[in-house]
Amino acid sequence: MNPTILLAILLAISVAGNGWQYHEHGKDLIRIGTTEQLTADTKAAADACSASVDDLARKGATQHAAVLASLAAQAGKVAGLEGAAIAALNAKPADPSDLCKSVALYLRDEIRKERGQR
């Protein structure tokens, strides 16, 4: 066989192989680019999620502190109302034979106390 023909065949096979390899390399570059873009998008989404969770945690802590402060501010009033309720439950009738009169006297005293506070 003529060496020129043999070299031409080898050159044709080499060119075909290079074409195939170039085509596969292009597909690999597309895959790499897609993977890098997906990685960047996933990282951005994860960062946004983390920032949102951190913001919610800060807002939750602030709201918790506000609720505790509000409860502390109301504690004295609640204790006073609790004491008044217990005193009302333990109140004995002024006139055991006339409960309506006892209730009227109790309410009059309560009204006087309330007006005295103002």
PDB file of N, CA and C in Angstrom:
ATOM      1  N   MET A   1       0.837  -1.158   0.000  1.00  0.00           N
ATOM      2  CA  MET A   1       0.000   0.000   0.000  1.00  0.00           C
ATOM      3  C   MET A   1       0.898   1.242   0.000  1.00  0.00           C
ATOM      4  N   ASN A   2       0.445   2.212  -0.675  1.00  0.00           N
ATOM      5  CA  ASN A   2       1.199   3.439  -0.856  1.00  0.00           C
ATOM      6  C   ASN A   2       1.230   4.210   0.476  1.00  0.00           C
ATOM      7  N   PRO A   3       2.402   4.677   0.941  1.00  0.00           N
ATOM      8  CA  PRO A   3       2.482   5.407   2.197  1.00  0.00           C
ATOM      9  C   PRO A   3       1.668   6.698   2.183  1.00  0.00           C
ATOM     10  N   THR A   4       1.497   7.321   1.058  1.00  0.00           N
ATOM     11  CA  THR A   4       0.727   8.553   0.986  1.00  0.00           C
ATOM     12  C   THR A   4      -0.740   8.276   1.284  1.00  0.00           C
ATOM     13  N   ILE A   5      -1.244   7.188   0.734  1.00  0.00           N
ATOM     14  CA  ILE A   5      -2.635   6.811   0.987  1.00  0.00           C
ATOM     15  C   ILE A   5      -2.814   6.464   2.464  1.00  0.00           C
ATOM     16  N   LEU A   6      -1.865   5.764   2.997  1.00  0.00           N
ATOM     17  CA  LEU A   6      -1.924   5.391   4.411  1.00  0.00           C
ATOM     18  C   LEU A   6      -1.917   6.646   5.297  1.00  0.00           C
ATOM     19  N   LEU A   7      -1.043   7.603   4.964  1.00  0.00           N
ATOM     20  CA  LEU A   7      -1.008   8.846   5.718  1.00  0.00           C
ATOM     21  C   LEU A   7      -2.297   9.635   5.553  1.00  0.00           C
ATOM     22  N   ALA A   8      -2.892   9.616   4.369  1.00  0.00           N
ATOM     23  CA  ALA A   8      -4.154  10.317   4.118  1.00  0.00           C
ATOM     24  C   ALA A   8      -5.271   9.695   4.942  1.00  0.00           C
ATOM     25  N   ILE A   9      -5.299   8.362   5.027  1.00  0.00           N
ATOM     26  CA  ILE A   9      -6.313   7.667   5.828  1.00  0.00           C
ATOM     27  C   ILE A   9      -6.129   8.006   7.302  1.00  0.00           C
ATOM     28  N   LEU A  10      -4.880   7.974   7.772  1.00  0.00           N
ATOM     29  CA  LEU A  10      -4.613   8.311   9.176  1.00  0.00           C
ATOM     30  C   LEU A  10      -4.972   9.770   9.472  1.00  0.00           C
ATOM     31  N   LEU A  11      -4.685  10.659   8.497  1.00  0.00           N
ATOM     32  CA  LEU A  11      -5.033  12.064   8.671  1.00  0.00           C
ATOM     33  C   LEU A  11      -6.549  12.239   8.728  1.00  0.00           C
ATOM     34  N   ALA A  12      -7.276  11.529   7.880  1.00  0.00           N
ATOM     35  CA  ALA A  12      -8.746  11.611   7.873  1.00  0.00           C
ATOM     36  C   ALA A  12      -9.306  11.090   9.203  1.00  0.00           C
ATOM     37  N   ILE A  13      -8.744   9.974   9.699  1.00  0.00           N
ATOM     38  CA  ILE A  13      -9.189   9.426  10.990  1.00  0.00           C
ATOM     39  C   ILE A  13      -8.876  10.419  12.113  1.00  0.00           C
ATOM     40  N   SER A  14      -7.735  11.063  12.058  1.00  0.00           N
ATOM     41  CA  SER A  14      -7.335  12.035  13.063  1.00  0.00           C
ATOM     42  C   SER A  14      -8.258  13.253  13.028  1.00  0.00           C
ATOM     43  N   VAL A  15      -8.560  13.729  11.824  1.00  0.00           N
ATOM     44  CA  VAL A  15      -9.464  14.883  11.703  1.00  0.00           C
ATOM     45  C   VAL A  15     -10.850  14.518  12.245  1.00  0.00           C
ATOM     46  N   ALA A  16     -11.349  13.341  11.914  1.00  0.00           N
ATOM     47  CA  ALA A  16     -12.657  12.895  12.419  1.00  0.00           C
ATOM     48  C   ALA A  16     -12.626  12.776  13.947  1.00  0.00           C
ATOM     49  N   GLY A  17     -11.548  12.213  14.472  1.00  0.00           N
ATOM     50  CA  GLY A  17     -11.406  12.089  15.924  1.00  0.00           C
ATOM     51  C   GLY A  17     -11.354  13.452  16.598  1.00  0.00           C
ATOM     52  N   ASN A  18     -10.603  14.388  16.003  1.00  0.00           N
ATOM     53  CA  ASN A  18     -10.529  15.746  16.557  1.00  0.00           C
ATOM     54  C   ASN A  18     -11.895  16.425  16.518  1.00  0.00           C
ATOM     55  N   GLY A  19     -12.640  16.217  15.423  1.00  0.00           N
ATOM     56  CA  GLY A  19     -13.993  16.792  15.319  1.00  0.00           C
ATOM     57  C   GLY A  19     -14.913  16.238  16.405  1.00  0.00           C
ATOM     58  N   TRP A  20     -14.843  14.917  16.571  1.00  0.00           N
ATOM     59  CA  TRP A  20     -15.672  14.282  17.614  1.00  0.00           C
ATOM     60  C   TRP A  20     -15.254  14.791  18.999  1.00  0.00           C
ATOM     61  N   GLN A  21     -13.938  14.866  19.239  1.00  0.00           N
ATOM     62  CA  GLN A  21     -13.447  15.323  20.532  1.00  0.00           C
ATOM     63  C   GLN A  21     -13.846  16.786  20.780  1.00  0.00           C
ATOM     64  N   TYR A  22     -13.789  17.632  19.742  1.00  0.00           N
ATOM     65  CA  TYR A  22     -14.179  19.032  19.880  1.00  0.00           C
ATOM     66  C   TYR A  22     -15.668  19.134  20.209  1.00  0.00           C
ATOM     67  N   HIS A  23     -16.494  18.316  19.560  1.00  0.00           N
ATOM     68  CA  HIS A  23     -17.928  18.297  19.825  1.00  0.00           C
ATOM     69  C   HIS A  23     -18.203  17.867  21.271  1.00  0.00           C
ATOM     70  N   GLU A  24     -17.552  16.828  21.735  1.00  0.00           N
ATOM     71  CA  GLU A  24     -17.723  16.361  23.123  1.00  0.00           C
ATOM     72  C   GLU A  24     -17.218  17.407  24.113  1.00  0.00           C
ATOM     73  N   HIS A  25     -16.120  18.080  23.772  1.00  0.00           N
ATOM     74  CA  HIS A  25     -15.571  19.121  24.639  1.00  0.00           C
ATOM     75  C   HIS A  25     -16.581  20.274  24.776  1.00  0.00           C
ATOM     76  N   GLY A  26     -17.252  20.630  23.685  1.00  0.00           N
ATOM     77  CA  GLY A  26     -18.284  21.674  23.725  1.00  0.00           C
ATOM     78  C   GLY A  26     -19.427  21.276  24.653  1.00  0.00           C
ATOM     79  N   LYS A  27     -19.865  20.019  24.563  1.00  0.00           N
ATOM     80  CA  LYS A  27     -20.945  19.557  25.455  1.00  0.00           C
ATOM     81  C   LYS A  27     -20.487  19.571  26.912  1.00  0.00           C
ATOM     82  N   ASP A  28     -19.223  19.205  27.143  1.00  0.00           N
ATOM     83  CA  ASP A  28     -18.688  19.247  28.511  1.00  0.00           C
ATOM     84  C   ASP A  28     -18.646  20.675  29.049  1.00  0.00           C
ATOM     85  N   LEU A  29     -18.250  21.631  28.193  1.00  0.00           N
ATOM     86  CA  LEU A  29     -18.224  23.028  28.622  1.00  0.00           C
ATOM     87  C   LEU A  29     -19.624  23.518  28.980  1.00  0.00           C
ATOM     88  N   ILE A  30     -20.622  23.110  28.215  1.00  0.00           N
ATOM     89  CA  ILE A  30     -22.010  23.490  28.521  1.00  0.00           C
ATOM     90  C   ILE A  30     -22.434  22.899  29.867  1.00  0.00           C
ATOM     91  N   ARG A  31     -22.080  21.628  30.096  1.00  0.00           N
ATOM     92  CA  ARG A  31     -22.411  20.987  31.382  1.00  0.00           C
ATOM     93  C   ARG A  31     -21.729  21.705  32.541  1.00  0.00           C
ATOM     94  N   ILE A  32     -20.466  22.053  32.363  1.00  0.00           N
ATOM     95  CA  ILE A  32     -19.721  22.744  33.422  1.00  0.00           C
ATOM     96  C   ILE A  32     -20.342  24.109  33.697  1.00  0.00           C
ATOM     97  N   GLY A  33     -20.662  24.842  32.636  1.00  0.00           N
ATOM     98  CA  GLY A  33     -21.287  26.156  32.798  1.00  0.00           C
ATOM     99  C   GLY A  33     -22.635  26.051  33.506  1.00  0.00           C
ATOM    100  N   THR A  34     -23.434  25.052  33.106  1.00  0.00           N
ATOM    101  CA  THR A  34     -24.740  24.855  33.744  1.00  0.00           C
ATOM    102  C   THR A  34     -24.568  24.499  35.214  1.00  0.00           C
ATOM    103  N   THR A  35     -23.625  23.649  35.505  1.00  0.00           N
ATOM    104  CA  THR A  35     -23.377  23.249  36.891  1.00  0.00           C
ATOM    105  C   THR A  35     -22.918  24.433  37.728  1.00  0.00           C
ATOM    106  N   GLU A  36     -22.023  25.249  37.177  1.00  0.00           N
ATOM    107  CA  GLU A  36     -21.554  26.422  37.920  1.00  0.00           C
ATOM    108  C   GLU A  36     -22.686  27.414  38.153  1.00  0.00           C
ATOM    109  N   GLN A  37     -23.565  27.606  37.159  1.00  0.00           N
ATOM    110  CA  GLN A  37     -24.689  28.526  37.322  1.00  0.00           C
ATOM    111  C   GLN A  37     -25.667  27.993  38.370  1.00  0.00           C
ATOM    112  N   LEU A  38     -25.939  26.701  38.311  1.00  0.00           N
ATOM    113  CA  LEU A  38     -26.840  26.108  39.313  1.00  0.00           C
ATOM    114  C   LEU A  38     -26.244  26.209  40.720  1.00  0.00           C
ATOM    115  N   THR A  39     -24.946  26.046  40.827  1.00  0.00           N
ATOM    116  CA  THR A  39     -24.277  26.182  42.121  1.00  0.00           C
ATOM    117  C   THR A  39     -24.408  27.608  42.646  1.00  0.00           C
ATOM    118  N   ALA A  40     -24.191  28.574  41.767  1.00  0.00           N
ATOM    119  CA  ALA A  40     -24.315  29.984  42.174  1.00  0.00           C
ATOM    120  C   ALA A  40     -25.755  30.309  42.570  1.00  0.00           C
ATOM    121  N   ASP A  41     -26.729  29.819  41.785  1.00  0.00           N
ATOM    122  CA  ASP A  41     -28.139  30.067  42.109  1.00  0.00           C
ATOM    123  C   ASP A  41     -28.526  29.428  43.435  1.00  0.00           C
ATOM    124  N   THR A  42     -28.066  28.216  43.670  1.00  0.00           N
ATOM    125  CA  THR A  42     -28.371  27.519  44.922  1.00  0.00           C
ATOM    126  C   THR A  42     -27.752  28.240  46.104  1.00  0.00           C
ATOM    127  N   LYS A  43     -26.522  28.718  45.945  1.00  0.00           N
ATOM    128  CA  LYS A  43     -25.873  29.465  47.032  1.00  0.00           C
ATOM    129  C   LYS A  43     -26.615  30.756  47.324  1.00  0.00           C
ATOM    130  N   ALA A  44     -27.057  31.457  46.276  1.00  0.00           N
ATOM    131  CA  ALA A  44     -27.808  32.705  46.473  1.00  0.00           C
ATOM    132  C   ALA A  44     -29.124  32.428  47.190  1.00  0.00           C
ATOM    133  N   ALA A  45     -29.812  31.353  46.815  1.00  0.00           N
ATOM    134  CA  ALA A  45     -31.076  31.013  47.470  1.00  0.00           C
ATOM    135  C   ALA A  45     -30.840  30.631  48.932  1.00  0.00           C
ATOM    136  N   ALA A  46     -29.777  29.886  49.197  1.00  0.00           N
ATOM    137  CA  ALA A  46     -29.462  29.495  50.573  1.00  0.00           C
ATOM    138  C   ALA A  46     -29.099  30.713  51.419  1.00  0.00           C
ATOM    139  N   ASP A  47     -28.345  31.650  50.840  1.00  0.00           N
ATOM    140  CA  ASP A  47     -27.988  32.880  51.569  1.00  0.00           C
ATOM    141  C   ASP A  47     -29.235  33.707  51.880  1.00  0.00           C
ATOM    142  N   ALA A  48     -30.148  33.803  50.917  1.00  0.00           N
ATOM    143  CA  ALA A  48     -31.392  34.559  51.140  1.00  0.00           C
ATOM    144  C   ALA A  48     -32.229  33.887  52.228  1.00  0.00           C
ATOM    145  N   CYS A  49     -32.278  32.573  52.202  1.00  0.00           N
ATOM    146  CA  CYS A  49     -33.025  31.838  53.222  1.00  0.00           C
ATOM    147  C   CYS A  49     -32.398  32.050  54.598  1.00  0.00           C
ATOM    148  N   SER A  50     -31.102  31.969  54.681  1.00  0.00           N
ATOM    149  CA  SER A  50     -30.413  32.175  55.963  1.00  0.00           C
ATOM    150  C   SER A  50     -30.643  33.585  56.488  1.00  0.00           C
ATOM    151  N   ALA A  51     -30.593  34.572  55.603  1.00  0.00           N
ATOM    152  CA  ALA A  51     -30.831  35.956  56.018  1.00  0.00           C
ATOM    153  C   ALA A  51     -32.255  36.124  56.533  1.00  0.00           C
ATOM    154  N   SER A  52     -33.207  35.486  55.867  1.00  0.00           N
ATOM    155  CA  SER A  52     -34.604  35.568  56.311  1.00  0.00           C
ATOM    156  C   SER A  52     -34.789  34.919  57.668  1.00  0.00           C
ATOM    157  N   VAL A  53     -34.162  33.772  57.872  1.00  0.00           N
ATOM    158  CA  VAL A  53     -34.275  33.084  59.160  1.00  0.00           C
ATOM    159  C   VAL A  53     -33.635  33.916  60.268  1.00  0.00           C
ATOM    160  N   ASP A  54     -32.484  34.506  59.985  1.00  0.00           N
ATOM    161  CA  ASP A  54     -31.823  35.369  60.977  1.00  0.00           C
ATOM    162  C   ASP A  54     -32.689  36.580  61.306  1.00  0.00           C
ATOM    163  N   ASP A  55     -33.319  37.170  60.282  1.00  0.00           N
ATOM    164  CA  ASP A  55     -34.198  38.318  60.497  1.00  0.00           C
ATOM    165  C   ASP A  55     -35.401  37.925  61.342  1.00  0.00           C
ATOM    166  N   LEU A  56     -35.982  36.766  61.054  1.00  0.00           N
ATOM    167  CA  LEU A  56     -37.113  36.289  61.864  1.00  0.00           C
ATOM    168  C   LEU A  56     -36.693  36.038  63.303  1.00  0.00           C
ATOM    169  N   ALA A  57     -35.499  35.515  63.499  1.00  0.00           N
ATOM    170  CA  ALA A  57     -35.014  35.273  64.862  1.00  0.00           C
ATOM    171  C   ALA A  57     -34.853  36.595  65.613  1.00  0.00           C
ATOM    172  N   ARG A  58     -34.301  37.609  64.950  1.00  0.00           N
ATOM    173  CA  ARG A  58     -34.159  38.927  65.591  1.00  0.00           C
ATOM    174  C   ARG A  58     -35.521  39.523  65.926  1.00  0.00           C
ATOM    175  N   LYS A  59     -36.445  39.463  64.976  1.00  0.00           N
ATOM    176  CA  LYS A  59     -37.784  39.999  65.209  1.00  0.00           C
ATOM    177  C   LYS A  59     -38.494  39.227  66.324  1.00  0.00           C
ATOM    178  N   GLY A  60     -38.313  37.911  66.361  1.00  0.00           N
ATOM    179  CA  GLY A  60     -38.917  37.096  67.416  1.00  0.00           C
ATOM    180  C   GLY A  60     -38.367  37.468  68.782  1.00  0.00           C
ATOM    181  N   ALA A  61     -37.069  37.693  68.861  1.00  0.00           N
ATOM    182  CA  ALA A  61     -36.465  38.081  70.141  1.00  0.00           C
ATOM    183  C   ALA A  61     -36.979  39.447  70.587  1.00  0.00           C
ATOM    184  N   THR A  62     -37.107  40.374  69.638  1.00  0.00           N
ATOM    185  CA  THR A  62     -37.622  41.705  69.960  1.00  0.00           C
ATOM    186  C   THR A  62     -39.069  41.611  70.448  1.00  0.00           C
ATOM    187  N   GLN A  63     -39.880  40.829  69.746  1.00  0.00           N
ATOM    188  CA  GLN A  63     -41.284  40.671  70.137  1.00  0.00           C
ATOM    189  C   GLN A  63     -41.393  39.993  71.494  1.00  0.00           C
ATOM    190  N   HIS A  64     -40.543  39.013  71.745  1.00  0.00           N
ATOM    191  CA  HIS A  64     -40.543  38.314  73.033  1.00  0.00           C
ATOM    192  C   HIS A  64     -40.227  39.290  74.166  1.00  0.00           C
ATOM    193  N   ALA A  65     -39.236  40.139  73.948  1.00  0.00           N
ATOM    194  CA  ALA A  65     -38.873  41.130  74.966  1.00  0.00           C
ATOM    195  C   ALA A  65     -40.023  42.106  75.198  1.00  0.00           C
ATOM    196  N   ALA A  66     -40.710  42.500  74.127  1.00  0.00           N
ATOM    197  CA  ALA A  66     -41.841  43.423  74.266  1.00  0.00           C
ATOM    198  C   ALA A  66     -42.984  42.775  75.049  1.00  0.00           C
ATOM    199  N   VAL A  67     -43.246  41.512  74.776  1.00  0.00           N
ATOM    200  CA  VAL A  67     -44.314  40.803  75.498  1.00  0.00           C
ATOM    201  C   VAL A  67     -43.950  40.657  76.973  1.00  0.00           C
ATOM    202  N   LEU A  68     -42.698  40.323  77.263  1.00  0.00           N
ATOM    203  CA  LEU A  68     -42.282  40.206  78.659  1.00  0.00           C
ATOM    204  C   LEU A  68     -42.389  41.542  79.391  1.00  0.00           C
ATOM    205  N   ALA A  69     -42.019  42.626  78.710  1.00  0.00           N
ATOM    206  CA  ALA A  69     -42.120  43.953  79.326  1.00  0.00           C
ATOM    207  C   ALA A  69     -43.583  44.305  79.591  1.00  0.00           C
ATOM    208  N   SER A  70     -44.454  43.970  78.647  1.00  0.00           N
ATOM    209  CA  SER A  70     -45.883  44.242  78.820  1.00  0.00           C
ATOM    210  C   SER A  70     -46.458  43.429  79.975  1.00  0.00           C
ATOM    211  N   LEU A  71     -46.048  42.172  80.064  1.00  0.00           N
ATOM    212  CA  LEU A  71     -46.514  41.330  81.176  1.00  0.00           C
ATOM    213  C   LEU A  71     -46.003  41.860  82.508  1.00  0.00           C
ATOM    214  N   ALA A  72     -44.778  42.297  82.540  1.00  0.00           N
ATOM    215  CA  ALA A  72     -44.216  42.840  83.782  1.00  0.00           C
ATOM    216  C   ALA A  72     -44.949  44.118  84.181  1.00  0.00           C
ATOM    217  N   ALA A  73     -45.330  44.931  83.191  1.00  0.00           N
ATOM    218  CA  ALA A  73     -46.048  46.169  83.487  1.00  0.00           C
ATOM    219  C   ALA A  73     -47.447  45.877  84.040  1.00  0.00           C
ATOM    220  N   GLN A  74     -48.040  44.792  83.621  1.00  0.00           N
ATOM    221  CA  GLN A  74     -49.390  44.449  84.062  1.00  0.00           C
ATOM    222  C   GLN A  74     -49.415  43.601  85.327  1.00  0.00           C
ATOM    223  N   ALA A  75     -48.261  43.147  85.786  1.00  0.00           N
ATOM    224  CA  ALA A  75     -48.210  42.224  86.933  1.00  0.00           C
ATOM    225  C   ALA A  75     -48.820  42.846  88.185  1.00  0.00           C
ATOM    226  N   GLY A  76     -48.542  44.113  88.452  1.00  0.00           N
ATOM    227  CA  GLY A  76     -49.092  44.762  89.644  1.00  0.00           C
ATOM    228  C   GLY A  76     -50.596  44.859  89.577  1.00  0.00           C
ATOM    229  N   LYS A  77     -51.123  45.225  88.419  1.00  0.00           N
ATOM    230  CA  LYS A  77     -52.577  45.335  88.254  1.00  0.00           C
ATOM    231  C   LYS A  77     -53.233  43.968  88.412  1.00  0.00           C
ATOM    232  N   VAL A  78     -52.638  42.948  87.844  1.00  0.00           N
ATOM    233  CA  VAL A  78     -53.186  41.598  87.946  1.00  0.00           C
ATOM    234  C   VAL A  78     -53.195  41.141  89.405  1.00  0.00           C
ATOM    235  N   ALA A  79     -52.110  41.425  90.119  1.00  0.00           N
ATOM    236  CA  ALA A  79     -52.050  41.035  91.531  1.00  0.00           C
ATOM    237  C   ALA A  79     -53.132  41.757  92.329  1.00  0.00           C
ATOM    238  N   GLY A  80     -53.356  43.046  92.028  1.00  0.00           N
ATOM    239  CA  GLY A  80     -54.400  43.802  92.714  1.00  0.00           C
ATOM    240  C   GLY A  80     -55.782  43.243  92.431  1.00  0.00           C
ATOM    241  N   LEU A  81     -56.023  42.914  91.170  1.00  0.00           N
ATOM    242  CA  LEU A  81     -57.320  42.331  90.806  1.00  0.00           C
ATOM    243  C   LEU A  81     -57.508  40.957  91.431  1.00  0.00           C
ATOM    244  N   GLU A  82     -56.432  40.205  91.510  1.00  0.00           N
ATOM    245  CA  GLU A  82     -56.504  38.888  92.140  1.00  0.00           C
ATOM    246  C   GLU A  82     -56.846  39.028  93.619  1.00  0.00           C
ATOM    247  N   GLY A  83     -56.195  39.988  94.277  1.00  0.00           N
ATOM    248  CA  GLY A  83     -56.497  40.230  95.699  1.00  0.00           C
ATOM    249  C   GLY A  83     -57.934  40.676  95.893  1.00  0.00           C
ATOM    250  N   ALA A  84     -58.423  41.548  94.996  1.00  0.00           N
ATOM    251  CA  ALA A  84     -59.810  42.004  95.097  1.00  0.00           C
ATOM    252  C   ALA A  84     -60.783  40.860  94.880  1.00  0.00           C
ATOM    253  N   ALA A  85     -60.477  39.984  93.953  1.00  0.00           N
ATOM    254  CA  ALA A  85     -61.349  38.835  93.697  1.00  0.00           C
ATOM    255  C   ALA A  85     -61.385  37.901  94.903  1.00  0.00           C
ATOM    256  N   ILE A  86     -60.238  37.668  95.504  1.00  0.00           N
ATOM    257  CA  ILE A  86     -60.193  36.808  96.695  1.00  0.00           C
ATOM    258  C   ILE A  86     -60.952  37.463  97.841  1.00  0.00           C
ATOM    259  N   ALA A  87     -60.786  38.780  98.004  1.00  0.00           N
ATOM    260  CA  ALA A  87     -61.505  39.487  99.064  1.00  0.00           C
ATOM    261  C   ALA A  87     -63.007  39.419  98.819  1.00  0.00           C
ATOM    262  N   ALA A  88     -63.438  39.549  97.574  1.00  0.00           N
ATOM    263  CA  ALA A  88     -64.867  39.456  97.262  1.00  0.00           C
ATOM    264  C   ALA A  88     -65.399  38.064  97.549  1.00  0.00           C
ATOM    265  N   LEU A  89     -64.601  37.049  97.254  1.00  0.00           N
ATOM    266  CA  LEU A  89     -65.048  35.673  97.534  1.00  0.00           C
ATOM    267  C   LEU A  89     -65.117  35.398  99.030  1.00  0.00           C
ATOM    268  N   ASN A  90     -64.217  36.008  99.789  1.00  0.00           N
ATOM    269  CA  ASN A  90     -64.183  35.769 101.236  1.00  0.00           C
ATOM    270  C   ASN A  90     -65.077  36.724 102.025  1.00  0.00           C
ATOM    271  N   ALA A  91     -65.715  37.674 101.342  1.00  0.00           N
ATOM    272  CA  ALA A  91     -66.545  38.655 102.045  1.00  0.00           C
ATOM    273  C   ALA A  91     -67.735  37.960 102.696  1.00  0.00           C
ATOM    274  N   LYS A  92     -67.990  38.363 103.935  1.00  0.00           N
ATOM    275  CA  LYS A  92     -69.129  37.803 104.668  1.00  0.00           C
ATOM    276  C   LYS A  92     -70.269  38.814 104.597  1.00  0.00           C
ATOM    277  N   PRO A  93     -71.471  38.349 104.568  1.00  0.00           N
ATOM    278  CA  PRO A  93     -72.596  39.282 104.493  1.00  0.00           C
ATOM    279  C   PRO A  93     -72.663  40.167 105.741  1.00  0.00           C
ATOM    280  N   ALA A  94     -72.979  41.450 105.517  1.00  0.00           N
ATOM    281  CA  ALA A  94     -73.122  42.393 106.639  1.00  0.00           C
ATOM    282  C   ALA A  94     -74.340  42.041 107.473  1.00  0.00           C
ATOM    283  N   ASP A  95     -75.367  41.570 106.809  1.00  0.00           N
ATOM    284  CA  ASP A  95     -76.598  41.163 107.505  1.00  0.00           C
ATOM    285  C   ASP A  95     -76.976  39.786 106.967  1.00  0.00           C
ATOM    286  N   PRO A  96     -76.599  38.699 107.669  1.00  0.00           N
ATOM    287  CA  PRO A  96     -76.857  37.351 107.157  1.00  0.00           C
ATOM    288  C   PRO A  96     -78.336  37.078 106.889  1.00  0.00           C
ATOM    289  N   SER A  97     -79.221  37.792 107.527  1.00  0.00           N
ATOM    290  CA  SER A  97     -80.644  37.525 107.310  1.00  0.00           C
ATOM    291  C   SER A  97     -81.164  38.229 106.053  1.00  0.00           C
ATOM    292  N   ASP A  98     -80.456  39.259 105.559  1.00  0.00           N
ATOM    293  CA  ASP A  98     -80.894  39.995 104.369  1.00  0.00           C
ATOM    294  C   ASP A  98     -79.707  40.105 103.400  1.00  0.00           C
ATOM    295  N   LEU A  99     -79.597  39.153 102.472  1.00  0.00           N
ATOM    296  CA  LEU A  99     -78.456  39.112 101.544  1.00  0.00           C
ATOM    297  C   LEU A  99     -78.498  40.262 100.547  1.00  0.00           C
ATOM    298  N   CYS A 100     -79.685  40.693 100.161  1.00  0.00           N
ATOM    299  CA  CYS A 100     -79.772  41.807  99.214  1.00  0.00           C
ATOM    300  C   CYS A 100     -79.211  43.080  99.844  1.00  0.00           C
ATOM    301  N   LYS A 101     -79.516  43.291 101.104  1.00  0.00           N
ATOM    302  CA  LYS A 101     -78.985  44.457 101.806  1.00  0.00           C
ATOM    303  C   LYS A 101     -77.467  44.351 101.906  1.00  0.00           C
ATOM    304  N   SER A 102     -76.965  43.134 102.158  1.00  0.00           N
ATOM    305  CA  SER A 102     -75.524  42.925 102.251  1.00  0.00           C
ATOM    306  C   SER A 102     -74.841  43.225 100.926  1.00  0.00           C
ATOM    307  N   VAL A 103     -75.442  42.800  99.823  1.00  0.00           N
ATOM    308  CA  VAL A 103     -74.873  43.066  98.494  1.00  0.00           C
ATOM    309  C   VAL A 103     -74.895  44.568  98.222  1.00  0.00           C
ATOM    310  N   ALA A 104     -75.984  45.223  98.568  1.00  0.00           N
ATOM    311  CA  ALA A 104     -76.083  46.668  98.352  1.00  0.00           C
ATOM    312  C   ALA A 104     -75.005  47.396  99.150  1.00  0.00           C
ATOM    313  N   LEU A 105     -74.788  47.002 100.391  1.00  0.00           N
ATOM    314  CA  LEU A 105     -73.751  47.632 101.215  1.00  0.00           C
ATOM    315  C   LEU A 105     -72.359  47.366 100.633  1.00  0.00           C
ATOM    316  N   TYR A 106     -72.129  46.142 100.179  1.00  0.00           N
ATOM    317  CA  TYR A 106     -70.841  45.772  99.585  1.00  0.00           C
ATOM    318  C   TYR A 106     -70.574  46.609  98.334  1.00  0.00           C
ATOM    319  N   LEU A 107     -71.584  46.714  97.465  1.00  0.00           N
ATOM    320  CA  LEU A 107     -71.419  47.488  96.243  1.00  0.00           C
ATOM    321  C   LEU A 107     -71.205  48.967  96.535  1.00  0.00           C
ATOM    322  N   ARG A 108     -71.901  49.522  97.530  1.00  0.00           N
ATOM    323  CA  ARG A 108     -71.723  50.924  97.905  1.00  0.00           C
ATOM    324  C   ARG A 108     -70.294  51.147  98.379  1.00  0.00           C
ATOM    325  N   ASP A 109     -69.770  50.214  99.177  1.00  0.00           N
ATOM    326  CA  ASP A 109     -68.388  50.336  99.644  1.00  0.00           C
ATOM    327  C   ASP A 109     -67.402  50.270  98.477  1.00  0.00           C
ATOM    328  N   GLU A 110     -67.656  49.387  97.533  1.00  0.00           N
ATOM    329  CA  GLU A 110     -66.782  49.253  96.365  1.00  0.00           C
ATOM    330  C   GLU A 110     -66.808  50.521  95.517  1.00  0.00           C
ATOM    331  N   ILE A 111     -68.012  51.108  95.367  1.00  0.00           N
ATOM    332  CA  ILE A 111     -68.127  52.348  94.603  1.00  0.00           C
ATOM    333  C   ILE A 111     -67.347  53.460  95.294  1.00  0.00           C
ATOM    334  N   ARG A 112     -67.439  53.526  96.609  1.00  0.00           N
ATOM    335  CA  ARG A 112     -66.691  54.544  97.354  1.00  0.00           C
ATOM    336  C   ARG A 112     -65.175  54.340  97.180  1.00  0.00           C
ATOM    337  N   LYS A 113     -64.750  53.077  97.242  1.00  0.00           N
ATOM    338  CA  LYS A 113     -63.310  52.785  97.065  1.00  0.00           C
ATOM    339  C   LYS A 113     -62.870  53.233  95.671  1.00  0.00           C
ATOM    340  N   GLU A 114     -63.694  52.922  94.673  1.00  0.00           N
ATOM    341  CA  GLU A 114     -63.333  53.252  93.296  1.00  0.00           C
ATOM    342  C   GLU A 114     -63.299  54.755  93.096  1.00  0.00           C
ATOM    343  N   ARG A 115     -64.246  55.466  93.635  1.00  0.00           N
ATOM    344  CA  ARG A 115     -64.263  56.914  93.486  1.00  0.00           C
ATOM    345  C   ARG A 115     -63.117  57.547  94.273  1.00  0.00           C
ATOM    346  N   GLY A 116     -62.766  56.933  95.393  1.00  0.00           N
ATOM    347  CA  GLY A 116     -61.649  57.437  96.180  1.00  0.00           C
ATOM    348  C   GLY A 116     -60.320  57.273  95.456  1.00  0.00           C
ATOM    349  N   GLN A 117     -60.200  56.283  94.599  1.00  0.00           N
ATOM    350  CA  GLN A 117     -58.959  56.041  93.860  1.00  0.00           C
ATOM    351  C   GLN A 117     -58.762  57.069  92.760  1.00  0.00           C
ATOM    352  N   ARG A 118     -59.865  57.618  92.260  1.00  0.00           N
ATOM    353  CA  ARG A 118     -59.754  58.571  91.143  1.00  0.00           C
ATOM    354  C   ARG A 118     -59.370  59.889  91.581  1.00  0.00           C
TER     355      ARG A 118
END
